[in-house]
Protein backbone atom coordinates (compact mmCIF):
# COMPACT_ATOMS: atom_id res chain seq x y z
CA MET A 1 0.00 0.00 0.00
CA LYS A 2 1.20 3.52 -0.69
CA VAL A 3 0.37 5.93 2.10
CA GLY A 4 0.47 9.72 2.12
CA VAL A 5 1.18 11.63 5.34
CA LEU A 6 0.64 15.32 6.11
CA THR A 7 0.64 17.58 9.16
CA GLY A 8 -1.71 20.53 9.06
CA GLY A 9 -2.55 23.46 11.30
CA GLY A 10 -0.41 24.80 14.10
CA ASP A 11 2.73 23.19 15.41
CA CYS A 12 2.53 21.12 18.58
CA PRO A 13 4.76 18.68 20.47
CA GLY A 14 4.72 15.11 19.25
CA LEU A 15 4.14 15.56 15.52
CA ASN A 16 7.49 14.01 14.59
CA ALA A 17 6.79 11.13 16.96
CA VAL A 18 3.50 10.44 15.17
CA ILE A 19 5.14 10.61 11.72
CA ARG A 20 7.88 8.24 12.87
CA ALA A 21 5.41 5.80 14.43
CA VAL A 22 3.20 5.71 11.32
CA VAL A 23 6.14 5.07 9.00
CA ARG A 24 7.82 2.46 11.22
CA LYS A 25 4.57 0.53 11.78
CA GLY A 26 3.74 0.60 8.08
CA VAL A 27 7.19 -0.46 6.94
CA PHE A 28 7.85 -3.15 9.56
CA HIS A 29 4.38 -4.71 9.76
CA TYR A 30 2.82 -4.11 6.34
CA SER A 31 5.68 -3.30 3.92
CA ASP A 32 3.95 0.00 3.06
CA ASP A 33 5.56 2.83 1.09
CA PHE A 34 5.16 6.44 2.29
CA VAL A 35 5.06 9.89 0.72
CA GLY A 36 5.14 13.00 2.89
CA PHE A 37 3.21 16.04 1.71
CA LEU A 38 5.06 19.20 2.74
CA GLU A 39 3.33 22.08 4.49
CA GLY A 40 0.05 20.30 5.14
CA TRP A 41 -2.72 20.62 2.59
CA ARG A 42 -0.60 23.12 0.65
CA GLY A 43 1.68 20.22 -0.28
CA LEU A 44 -1.26 18.39 -1.82
CA ILE A 45 -2.49 21.45 -3.69
CA GLU A 46 0.98 22.35 -4.99
CA ASN A 47 2.28 18.75 -5.26
CA LYS A 48 5.20 19.25 -2.84
CA THR A 49 6.44 15.94 -1.47
CA MET A 50 9.29 14.14 0.22
CA PRO A 51 9.90 10.41 0.55
CA LEU A 52 9.27 8.99 3.99
CA ASP A 53 11.25 5.90 4.87
CA LEU A 54 13.15 4.55 7.85
CA SER A 55 16.17 6.76 7.17
CA SER A 56 14.11 9.94 6.88
CA VAL A 57 12.33 9.33 10.20
CA GLY A 58 15.39 8.11 12.09
CA GLY A 59 16.56 10.56 14.73
CA ILE A 60 13.60 12.95 14.49
CA LEU A 61 12.11 12.42 17.96
CA HIS A 62 14.25 15.10 19.60
CA ARG A 63 13.53 17.68 16.88
CA GLY A 64 10.79 20.22 17.45
CA GLY A 65 8.00 20.92 15.00
CA THR A 66 7.41 18.56 12.13
CA ILE A 67 9.81 17.35 9.44
CA LEU A 68 6.96 17.80 6.96
CA ARG A 69 6.42 21.40 8.01
CA THR A 70 2.86 22.67 8.34
CA SER A 71 0.51 25.38 7.17
CA ARG A 72 -3.03 26.50 7.84
CA THR A 73 -4.03 26.08 4.20
CA ASN A 74 -7.59 24.79 3.85
CA PRO A 75 -8.30 23.47 0.33
CA ALA A 76 -12.04 23.39 1.05
CA LYS A 77 -11.95 27.20 1.08
CA LYS A 78 -10.48 27.37 -2.44
CA SER A 79 -12.70 26.80 -5.48
CA ASP A 80 -10.54 24.02 -6.94
CA GLY A 81 -8.59 23.08 -3.80
CA LEU A 82 -10.18 19.69 -3.14
CA ASP A 83 -9.96 18.74 -6.81
CA LYS A 84 -6.22 19.55 -6.81
CA CYS A 85 -5.78 17.38 -3.71
CA ILE A 86 -7.54 14.45 -5.38
CA SER A 87 -5.46 14.95 -8.52
CA THR A 88 -2.19 14.89 -6.54
CA LEU A 89 -3.26 11.79 -4.62
CA ASN A 90 -4.08 10.05 -7.89
CA GLU A 91 -0.81 11.17 -9.50
CA HIS A 92 1.19 9.60 -6.67
CA GLU A 93 -1.09 6.53 -6.60
CA ILE A 94 -1.86 7.06 -2.91
CA ASP A 95 -4.03 4.33 -1.40
CA ALA A 96 -4.50 5.94 2.03
CA LEU A 97 -3.88 9.33 3.60
CA VAL A 98 -2.86 9.98 7.21
CA ALA A 99 -3.82 13.56 8.05
CA ILE A 100 -2.32 14.67 11.37
CA GLY A 101 -3.82 17.80 12.89
CA GLY A 102 -6.84 19.31 14.52
CA ASP A 103 -10.43 20.00 13.55
CA ASP A 104 -9.69 22.02 10.42
CA THR A 105 -7.19 19.48 9.06
CA LEU A 106 -9.48 16.54 9.73
CA SER A 107 -12.57 18.28 8.35
CA VAL A 108 -10.79 18.54 4.99
CA ALA A 109 -9.75 14.86 5.16
CA GLN A 110 -13.37 13.94 5.78
CA LYS A 111 -14.47 15.73 2.59
CA LEU A 112 -11.98 14.09 0.21
CA PRO A 113 -13.71 10.73 -0.31
CA PHE A 114 -16.96 12.47 -1.25
CA ARG A 115 -15.12 14.61 -3.79
CA ALA A 116 -13.52 11.62 -5.54
CA ALA A 117 -14.80 11.00 -9.06
CA SER A 118 -15.84 7.36 -8.82
CA PRO A 119 -17.44 5.21 -6.11
CA ALA A 120 -14.39 2.92 -6.22
CA ALA A 121 -12.06 5.86 -5.53
CA ARG A 122 -14.18 6.95 -2.57
CA THR A 123 -13.26 3.84 -0.64
CA SER A 124 -9.52 4.26 -1.13
CA PHE A 125 -9.06 7.38 0.96
């Protein structure tokens, strides 16, 4: 499975720990591949990514903030924002998305499956 990861909203302690835990669990237990979207939802809109693997998450627990950086971008407030997110997810062949953040970040994640073009695509996010 190919999994996308993003951190949205304001910075808070523990974001790097969550990123590291998601990647390590996916790699060790499920042989998943990971793509990090930089600067939260902005990374999906603008297609800004970084590979996430064991080497990229090694040694990040002591670092503050998030290695993926974050922003308060909300694609639901842009006319074509959600469509750009879906397009980027499809381009990278993402099977699942881990959105790490608060209410605003998760409200966008909740809207994505309903914006997908086909019923089959709706179940993949």
